[in-house]
Amino acid sequence: FIKTGCGVSGALTSGNAGSNTVLDFTNDMDGGACIVIASSASPTPNGTFSQGNNVGNFLVLGNSSGKPGSAYCTQGIYVDGVLDEHLHDVKIQYINGPCLFWGQSVLSYIDRVSTYGCGTASTAEVEIYGETDGMGHEFNGTTLYISGLDTGYDAGAGAQAGIKIDRWSQITIDGGSFESAGIPMMVGSKSSATNGVRNLIVRNVDLESPSNSASNCATFGTGWTGSAGLAVQDSYLENDSCAADSTSITSQLVFQNTNDMFVKQDVFQSPNSGATVLDFQGTGNTHENAFLSNLALMASPVYVKVNGTAISDANPALAWSIDNEPVTVAGLPTCNASTRGRSLFVTDATVALSGTSVGTAPIGGGANVVPVSCNATGWLIGG
């Protein structure tokens, strides 16, 4: 089922419009979505899917006068209940809500899509949401591949975020940029106690210029209300960058209730010398098995903070990991063959991390925060 609103100057019939087709929705006063791609006009939560649509090569224009937030459409393209859907080569502009709302789908693709001047204070330019708002589905989305998605470029739209991802399993974002639209990326921000985000891969993505007084480049698990550690799991960030040219930045990446997060070869830059780069925050949250490797951190003295404890002397060029929150030397668990390889931070070492202290046993009673690891017989400084 593919539907366009009334008063449209173009046409979308078979789903693949002609090259450079413009769909102008300025006179569509019905509200709702400009374009709906769904299993039926009123999908039901029984797993009925629209299969194999190839939709692309057009421009969706919510308001031809170019005024963000004044369009009648509250969603540019609404996708829900689809299987093997391919949305490609589409530009969406000036929507009074998300440019693209992607609901329940299986084995689908978003390629070369750009958004501009969309979103509101409570919505992102692009929203990926496994449990849809208006069509009744009650299960997660799964297996979505996104390539070349660009959002933002117009902070005047007042968007909450560039992209929001919630209640989803197996999603890959490879290449693109989220910038100048609130927090560039929000993962697991909607309130939920049961359905989080799992198997997220984000690589080669530019998270740039947070706007509208946003204090982060990306957040993970901030809306979670369920058991600790289940908001965002088994996820991988590689070769991404956060170019934060706003002094409102306090923490570039925020993690709450995350588990098995792998952050590798990312670049973080901030003009705010007091900003934290990676902030594992929140009392009582679980942050197990966060592996950090070969990070480039510039103009920020606090590399990592775990539940409020700043860890500023860890070497970001080395591979090290965080397993739960920091402890004192006396609070370290038993080190034996079963805990070999486990890493923690201690908060009261008598020596700082240095070339001479690496490989020595930590002694408590000091004020240094250092990484330690278990070699099967004892805890040693060095992570």
Protein backbone atom coordinates (compact mmCIF):
# COMPACT_ATOMS: atom_id res chain seq x y z
CA PHE A 1 0.00 0.00 0.00
CA ILE A 2 1.52 3.33 -1.08
CA LYS A 3 -0.42 6.54 -0.53
CA THR A 4 0.27 10.20 -1.15
CA GLY A 5 -1.64 13.11 0.31
CA CYS A 6 -4.03 15.37 -1.57
CA GLY A 7 -2.98 18.50 -3.43
CA VAL A 8 0.26 16.92 -4.62
CA SER A 9 1.95 18.31 -7.71
CA GLY A 10 3.70 15.02 -8.57
CA ALA A 11 2.62 11.40 -8.62
CA LEU A 12 3.81 8.26 -6.88
CA THR A 13 2.01 5.25 -8.28
CA SER A 14 4.18 2.18 -8.69
CA GLY A 15 6.52 3.41 -5.97
CA ASN A 16 9.49 4.38 -8.14
CA ALA A 17 8.91 7.88 -9.42
CA GLY A 18 10.74 9.26 -12.42
CA SER A 19 14.10 10.90 -11.95
CA ASN A 20 13.94 14.36 -10.29
CA THR A 21 10.20 14.11 -9.60
CA VAL A 22 9.05 16.76 -7.11
CA LEU A 23 6.15 15.90 -4.80
CA ASP A 24 4.98 19.25 -3.41
CA PHE A 25 2.71 18.94 -0.37
CA THR A 26 2.38 22.64 0.39
CA ASN A 27 -1.38 22.55 -0.26
CA ASP A 28 -2.00 19.24 1.50
CA MET A 29 -3.93 20.40 4.56
CA ASP A 30 -4.90 16.96 5.85
CA GLY A 31 -1.92 16.69 8.18
CA GLY A 32 -0.43 13.28 8.93
CA ALA A 33 2.17 11.80 6.60
CA CYS A 34 2.87 13.08 3.11
CA ILE A 35 3.60 9.53 1.92
CA VAL A 36 2.61 6.25 3.60
CA ILE A 37 4.28 2.96 2.64
CA ALA A 38 2.64 0.17 4.63
CA SER A 39 1.16 -3.31 4.50
CA SER A 40 -2.35 -1.83 4.19
CA ALA A 41 -4.23 1.37 4.89
CA SER A 42 -4.71 0.16 8.47
CA PRO A 43 -2.03 -2.42 9.31
CA THR A 44 -2.80 -4.84 12.11
CA PRO A 45 -0.25 -6.35 14.51
CA ASN A 46 -0.41 -9.81 12.97
CA GLY A 47 2.76 -9.62 10.92
CA THR A 48 1.19 -8.72 7.55
CA PHE A 49 3.85 -7.11 5.38
CA SER A 50 4.06 -5.18 2.16
CA GLN A 51 6.89 -6.87 0.27
CA GLY A 52 9.55 -5.85 -2.17
CA ASN A 53 8.79 -2.16 -2.76
CA ASN A 54 11.51 -0.20 -4.54
CA VAL A 55 10.78 3.45 -3.80
CA GLY A 56 13.07 6.26 -4.88
CA ASN A 57 14.24 9.08 -7.12
CA PHE A 58 12.07 11.97 -5.90
CA LEU A 59 11.90 15.02 -3.66
CA VAL A 60 9.27 15.36 -0.92
CA LEU A 61 8.57 19.02 -0.24
CA GLY A 62 6.40 19.77 2.79
CA ASN A 63 6.35 23.50 2.19
CA SER A 64 7.54 25.03 -1.06
CA SER A 65 8.07 28.41 0.61
CA GLY A 66 10.93 26.89 2.56
CA LYS A 67 9.69 27.56 6.07
CA PRO A 68 10.71 24.84 8.56
CA GLY A 69 7.98 23.91 10.99
CA SER A 70 5.15 25.50 8.99
CA ALA A 71 4.30 22.51 6.80
CA TYR A 72 0.95 20.75 7.20
CA CYS A 73 2.52 17.29 6.97
CA THR A 74 3.61 16.02 10.38
CA GLN A 75 5.65 13.22 8.79
CA GLY A 76 7.35 13.23 5.40
CA ILE A 77 7.49 9.51 4.62
CA TYR A 78 5.89 6.97 6.97
CA VAL A 79 6.99 3.36 6.54
CA ASP A 80 5.42 0.51 8.51
CA GLY A 81 4.78 -3.23 8.15
CA VAL A 82 7.20 -3.82 5.26
CA LEU A 83 9.48 -6.64 4.16
CA ASP A 84 12.45 -6.19 1.81
CA GLU A 85 11.71 -2.47 1.41
CA HIS A 86 14.25 -0.31 -0.45
CA LEU A 87 13.99 3.48 -0.07
CA HIS A 88 16.68 5.23 -2.06
CA ASP A 89 17.75 8.52 -3.64
CA VAL A 90 15.16 10.61 -1.83
CA LYS A 91 15.37 14.12 -0.40
CA ILE A 92 12.79 15.29 2.13
CA GLN A 93 12.40 18.94 3.15
CA TYR A 94 10.37 21.15 5.49
CA ILE A 95 8.15 18.78 7.46
CA ASN A 96 6.50 19.73 10.76
CA GLY A 97 7.79 16.53 12.37
CA PRO A 98 10.09 13.68 11.22
CA CYS A 99 11.14 13.77 7.57
CA LEU A 100 11.27 9.96 7.71
CA PHE A 101 9.46 7.74 10.23
CA TRP A 102 10.47 4.10 9.82
CA GLY A 103 8.29 1.69 11.77
CA GLN A 104 8.11 -2.11 11.83
CA SER A 105 10.12 -3.73 9.04
CA VAL A 106 12.21 -6.78 8.24
CA LEU A 107 15.24 -7.02 5.91
CA SER A 108 14.97 -3.48 4.55
CA TYR A 109 17.29 -0.78 3.22
CA ILE A 110 17.64 3.00 3.30
CA ASP A 111 20.17 4.29 0.76
CA ARG A 112 21.19 7.85 -0.12
CA VAL A 113 18.42 9.72 1.69
CA SER A 114 18.84 13.30 2.89
CA THR A 115 16.62 15.43 5.13
CA TYR A 116 16.49 19.16 5.68
CA GLY A 117 14.44 21.49 7.85
CA CYS A 118 12.38 18.83 9.62
CA GLY A 119 11.69 17.79 13.20
CA THR A 120 10.33 19.54 16.27
CA ALA A 121 11.42 19.97 19.88
CA SER A 122 10.14 16.44 20.59
CA THR A 123 10.86 14.69 17.26
CA ALA A 124 13.97 13.94 15.22
CA GLU A 125 14.58 14.48 11.52
CA VAL A 126 14.64 10.68 11.13
CA GLU A 127 13.01 8.24 13.57
CA ILE A 128 13.55 4.47 13.53
CA TYR A 129 10.98 2.99 15.88
CA GLY A 130 10.27 -0.75 16.16
CA GLU A 131 6.95 -0.22 17.96
CA THR A 132 5.02 2.27 15.89
CA ASP A 133 3.03 5.15 17.30
CA GLY A 134 -0.09 5.10 15.21
CA MET A 135 -0.60 1.77 13.52
CA GLY A 136 -0.83 -0.72 16.35
CA HIS A 137 2.23 -2.92 16.02
CA GLU A 138 3.58 -4.33 19.28
CA PHE A 139 6.90 -5.91 18.27
CA ASN A 140 10.40 -4.77 17.41
CA GLY A 141 11.80 -4.01 14.00
CA THR A 142 14.68 -6.14 12.81
CA THR A 143 17.48 -6.10 10.24
CA LEU A 144 17.72 -2.62 8.72
CA TYR A 145 20.69 -1.42 6.67
CA ILE A 146 21.23 2.33 6.27
CA SER A 147 23.85 3.80 3.96
CA GLY A 148 24.49 7.42 3.03
CA LEU A 149 21.84 8.98 5.27
CA ASP A 150 22.36 12.71 5.82
CA THR A 151 20.25 14.71 8.27
CA GLY A 152 20.23 18.26 9.50
CA TYR A 153 21.94 21.23 7.90
CA ASP A 154 19.22 23.53 9.25
CA ALA A 155 19.30 24.15 12.98
CA GLY A 156 16.46 26.64 12.59
CA ALA A 157 14.01 23.74 12.36
CA GLY A 158 14.44 23.13 16.09
CA ALA A 159 14.70 19.34 15.79
CA GLN A 160 15.30 17.30 18.94
CA ALA A 161 17.80 15.09 17.10
CA GLY A 162 19.21 14.14 13.74
CA ILE A 163 18.24 10.47 14.14
CA LYS A 164 16.49 8.51 16.91
CA ILE A 165 16.59 4.71 17.11
CA ASP A 166 14.35 2.78 19.51
CA ARG A 167 13.18 -0.81 20.07
CA TRP A 168 15.17 -2.37 17.29
CA SER A 169 17.38 -5.41 16.68
CA GLN A 170 20.12 -5.63 14.06
CA ILE A 171 20.59 -2.20 12.51
CA THR A 172 23.66 -1.07 10.58
CA ILE A 173 24.45 2.54 9.69
CA ASP A 174 27.38 2.75 7.29
CA GLY A 175 28.38 6.22 6.14
CA GLY A 176 26.51 9.51 6.34
CA SER A 177 26.23 12.50 8.64
CA PHE A 178 23.86 13.68 11.36
CA GLU A 179 24.44 17.33 12.12
CA SER A 180 22.99 20.69 13.08
CA ALA A 181 19.78 19.17 14.42
CA GLY A 182 19.70 18.94 18.22
CA ILE A 183 21.57 15.86 19.46
CA PRO A 184 22.92 14.25 16.28
CA MET A 185 22.07 10.68 17.35
CA MET A 186 19.82 9.32 20.14
CA VAL A 187 19.61 5.55 20.71
CA GLY A 188 17.15 4.09 23.22
CA SER A 189 15.76 7.48 24.23
CA LYS A 190 12.07 6.56 24.29
CA SER A 191 10.67 5.31 27.58
CA SER A 192 10.66 1.50 27.66
CA ALA A 193 11.16 -1.28 30.20
CA THR A 194 10.99 -4.23 27.81
CA ASN A 195 12.31 -3.51 24.31
CA GLY A 196 15.74 -1.96 23.89
CA VAL A 197 18.21 -1.75 21.01
CA ARG A 198 20.52 -4.65 20.18
CA ASN A 199 23.20 -5.32 17.58
CA LEU A 200 23.67 -1.71 16.48
CA ILE A 201 26.63 -0.99 14.19
CA VAL A 202 27.53 2.64 13.45
CA ARG A 203 30.62 3.21 11.31
CA ASN A 204 32.02 6.00 9.15
CA VAL A 205 29.41 8.48 10.40
CA ASP A 206 29.96 12.18 11.11
CA LEU A 207 28.16 13.37 14.27
CA GLU A 208 28.64 17.10 13.92
CA SER A 209 27.54 20.42 15.34
CA PRO A 210 24.94 19.62 18.02
CA SER A 211 22.46 22.49 18.05
CA ASN A 212 19.48 23.89 19.94
CA SER A 213 21.51 23.89 23.20
CA ALA A 214 22.15 20.13 22.92
CA SER A 215 24.86 18.96 25.31
CA ASN A 216 25.84 15.69 23.56
CA CYS A 217 26.86 14.27 20.19
CA ALA A 218 25.10 10.97 20.90
CA THR A 219 23.19 9.34 23.76
CA PHE A 220 22.53 5.66 24.44
CA GLY A 221 19.83 4.27 26.75
CA THR A 222 18.66 7.49 28.38
CA GLY A 223 14.97 6.53 28.20
CA TRP A 224 15.33 3.06 29.70
CA THR A 225 13.14 2.19 32.69
CA GLY A 226 13.69 -1.58 32.88
CA SER A 227 16.38 -3.81 34.37
CA ALA A 228 19.88 -2.37 34.45
CA GLY A 229 22.12 -2.98 31.46
CA LEU A 230 19.48 -3.88 28.88
CA ALA A 231 18.82 -0.58 27.11
CA VAL A 232 21.49 -0.83 24.38
CA GLN A 233 23.42 -4.09 23.99
CA ASP A 234 26.03 -5.70 21.76
CA SER A 235 26.77 -2.55 19.78
CA TYR A 236 29.76 -1.34 17.81
CA LEU A 237 30.95 2.18 16.96
CA GLU A 238 33.90 2.49 14.57
CA ASN A 239 35.57 5.24 12.54
CA ASP A 240 32.97 7.82 13.58
CA SER A 241 33.64 11.42 14.53
CA CYS A 242 32.12 13.99 16.85
CA ALA A 243 33.06 17.51 15.83
CA ALA A 244 31.35 19.49 18.56
CA ASP A 245 31.74 23.20 17.85
CA SER A 246 29.26 24.22 20.55
CA THR A 247 30.45 25.21 24.03
CA SER A 248 27.22 23.76 25.47
CA ILE A 249 28.73 20.25 25.13
CA THR A 250 29.19 18.57 28.51
CA SER A 251 29.56 14.92 27.49
CA GLN A 252 30.12 13.94 23.88
CA LEU A 253 28.84 10.36 24.14
CA VAL A 254 26.51 9.40 27.01
CA PHE A 255 25.85 5.77 27.96
CA GLN A 256 23.17 4.61 30.42
CA ASN A 257 22.25 0.97 31.04
CA THR A 258 24.46 -0.30 28.24
CA ASN A 259 26.15 -3.67 27.86
CA ASP A 260 28.91 -4.86 25.51
CA MET A 261 29.66 -1.53 23.84
CA PHE A 262 32.68 -1.50 21.51
CA VAL A 263 34.10 1.93 20.60
CA LYS A 264 37.06 1.83 18.21
CA GLN A 265 39.09 4.34 16.18
CA ASP A 266 36.65 7.19 16.71
CA VAL A 267 37.64 10.87 16.74
CA PHE A 268 36.24 13.26 19.34
CA GLN A 269 36.87 16.99 19.32
CA SER A 270 35.35 19.64 21.56
CA PRO A 271 36.03 23.37 22.11
CA ASN A 272 34.85 22.97 25.69
CA SER A 273 37.94 22.05 27.71
CA GLY A 274 35.79 20.70 30.55
CA ALA A 275 33.80 18.27 28.45
CA THR A 276 33.83 14.52 29.06
CA VAL A 277 34.33 12.40 25.96
CA LEU A 278 32.74 9.09 27.01
CA ASP A 279 30.35 9.41 29.94
CA PHE A 280 29.02 6.18 31.45
CA GLN A 281 26.59 7.85 33.78
CA GLY A 282 23.79 7.30 36.25
CA THR A 283 23.60 5.87 39.74
CA GLY A 284 22.65 2.20 39.71
CA ASN A 285 23.07 1.76 35.96
CA THR A 286 25.08 -1.15 34.60
CA HIS A 287 27.82 -0.54 32.03
CA GLU A 288 29.38 -3.93 31.50
CA ASN A 289 32.12 -4.77 29.02
CA ALA A 290 32.70 -1.40 27.36
CA PHE A 291 35.76 -1.88 25.18
CA LEU A 292 37.59 1.25 24.00
CA SER A 293 40.40 1.11 21.46
CA ASN A 294 42.57 3.58 19.53
CA LEU A 295 40.52 6.70 20.15
CA ALA A 296 41.65 10.16 19.05
CA LEU A 297 40.61 12.60 21.77
CA MET A 298 41.32 16.30 21.35
CA ALA A 299 40.87 19.32 23.64
CA SER A 300 39.17 17.40 26.42
CA PRO A 301 41.04 16.48 29.63
CA VAL A 302 38.43 13.98 30.88
CA TYR A 303 38.56 11.01 28.54
CA VAL A 304 36.13 8.81 30.43
CA LYS A 305 33.78 9.21 33.35
CA VAL A 306 32.07 6.24 35.01
CA ASN A 307 29.14 7.03 37.32
CA GLY A 308 30.64 10.41 38.12
CA THR A 309 34.24 9.27 38.61
CA ALA A 310 36.55 11.00 36.13
CA ILE A 311 39.28 8.89 34.55
CA SER A 312 41.56 11.43 32.88
CA ASP A 313 44.92 9.64 32.90
CA ALA A 314 44.02 6.59 30.84
CA ASN A 315 45.83 6.40 27.52
CA PRO A 316 43.19 6.54 24.76
CA ALA A 317 45.59 5.14 22.18
CA LEU A 318 45.65 1.80 23.99
CA ALA A 319 42.92 -0.80 24.18
CA TRP A 320 41.26 -0.93 27.58
CA SER A 321 37.87 -1.81 28.95
CA ILE A 322 35.34 -0.89 31.58
CA ASP A 323 33.52 -3.57 33.50
CA ASN A 324 30.93 -2.05 35.86
CA GLU A 325 31.80 0.98 37.99
CA PRO A 326 35.15 1.80 39.68
CA VAL A 327 36.07 0.32 43.06
CA THR A 328 38.74 0.83 45.69
CA VAL A 329 41.77 -1.43 45.78
CA ALA A 330 40.33 -3.16 48.83
CA GLY A 331 37.06 -3.68 46.94
CA LEU A 332 38.63 -5.58 44.03
CA PRO A 333 37.13 -9.06 43.59
CA THR A 334 39.24 -12.19 43.78
CA CYS A 335 41.59 -12.61 40.84
CA ASN A 336 41.97 -16.21 39.66
CA ALA A 337 41.77 -18.28 36.50
CA SER A 338 38.02 -17.75 36.16
CA THR A 339 38.37 -13.92 36.20
CA ARG A 340 41.52 -13.74 34.07
CA GLY A 341 41.34 -10.82 31.60
CA ARG A 342 38.74 -8.86 33.55
CA SER A 343 39.44 -5.13 33.79
CA LEU A 344 38.28 -2.55 36.32
CA PHE A 345 39.23 0.89 37.54
CA VAL A 346 40.35 1.58 41.08
CA THR A 347 39.91 5.03 42.59
CA ASP A 348 42.50 5.13 45.40
CA ALA A 349 45.82 3.95 43.96
CA THR A 350 48.93 5.50 45.47
CA VAL A 351 50.54 5.93 42.03
CA ALA A 352 49.29 7.31 38.73
CA LEU A 353 49.27 5.40 35.47
CA SER A 354 52.75 5.68 33.97
CA GLY A 355 55.42 3.65 32.28
CA THR A 356 56.90 2.67 35.61
CA SER A 357 53.60 1.76 37.30
CA VAL A 358 52.20 -0.43 34.55
CA GLY A 359 52.47 -4.07 35.55
CA THR A 360 52.77 -3.40 39.27
CA ALA A 361 50.22 -4.36 41.92
CA PRO A 362 47.95 -1.46 42.99
CA ILE A 363 48.18 -0.21 46.57
CA GLY A 364 45.20 1.54 48.12
CA GLY A 365 45.11 4.67 50.22
CA GLY A 366 45.94 7.20 47.50
CA ALA A 367 43.90 9.41 45.20
CA ASN A 368 44.76 8.15 41.70
CA VAL A 369 42.23 6.57 39.35
CA VAL A 370 43.94 3.85 37.32
CA PRO A 371 42.90 0.82 35.22
CA VAL A 372 43.78 -2.63 36.56
CA SER A 373 43.45 -6.09 35.07
CA CYS A 374 43.49 -9.64 36.41
CA ASN A 375 46.25 -11.94 35.12
CA ALA A 376 44.80 -15.00 36.92
CA THR A 377 47.02 -14.58 40.00
CA GLY A 378 46.64 -10.91 40.92
CA TRP A 379 45.50 -7.43 39.89
CA LEU A 380 48.03 -5.32 37.98
CA ILE A 381 47.98 -1.67 36.92
CA GLY A 382 47.59 -1.14 33.20
CA GLY A 383 44.07 -2.27 32.22
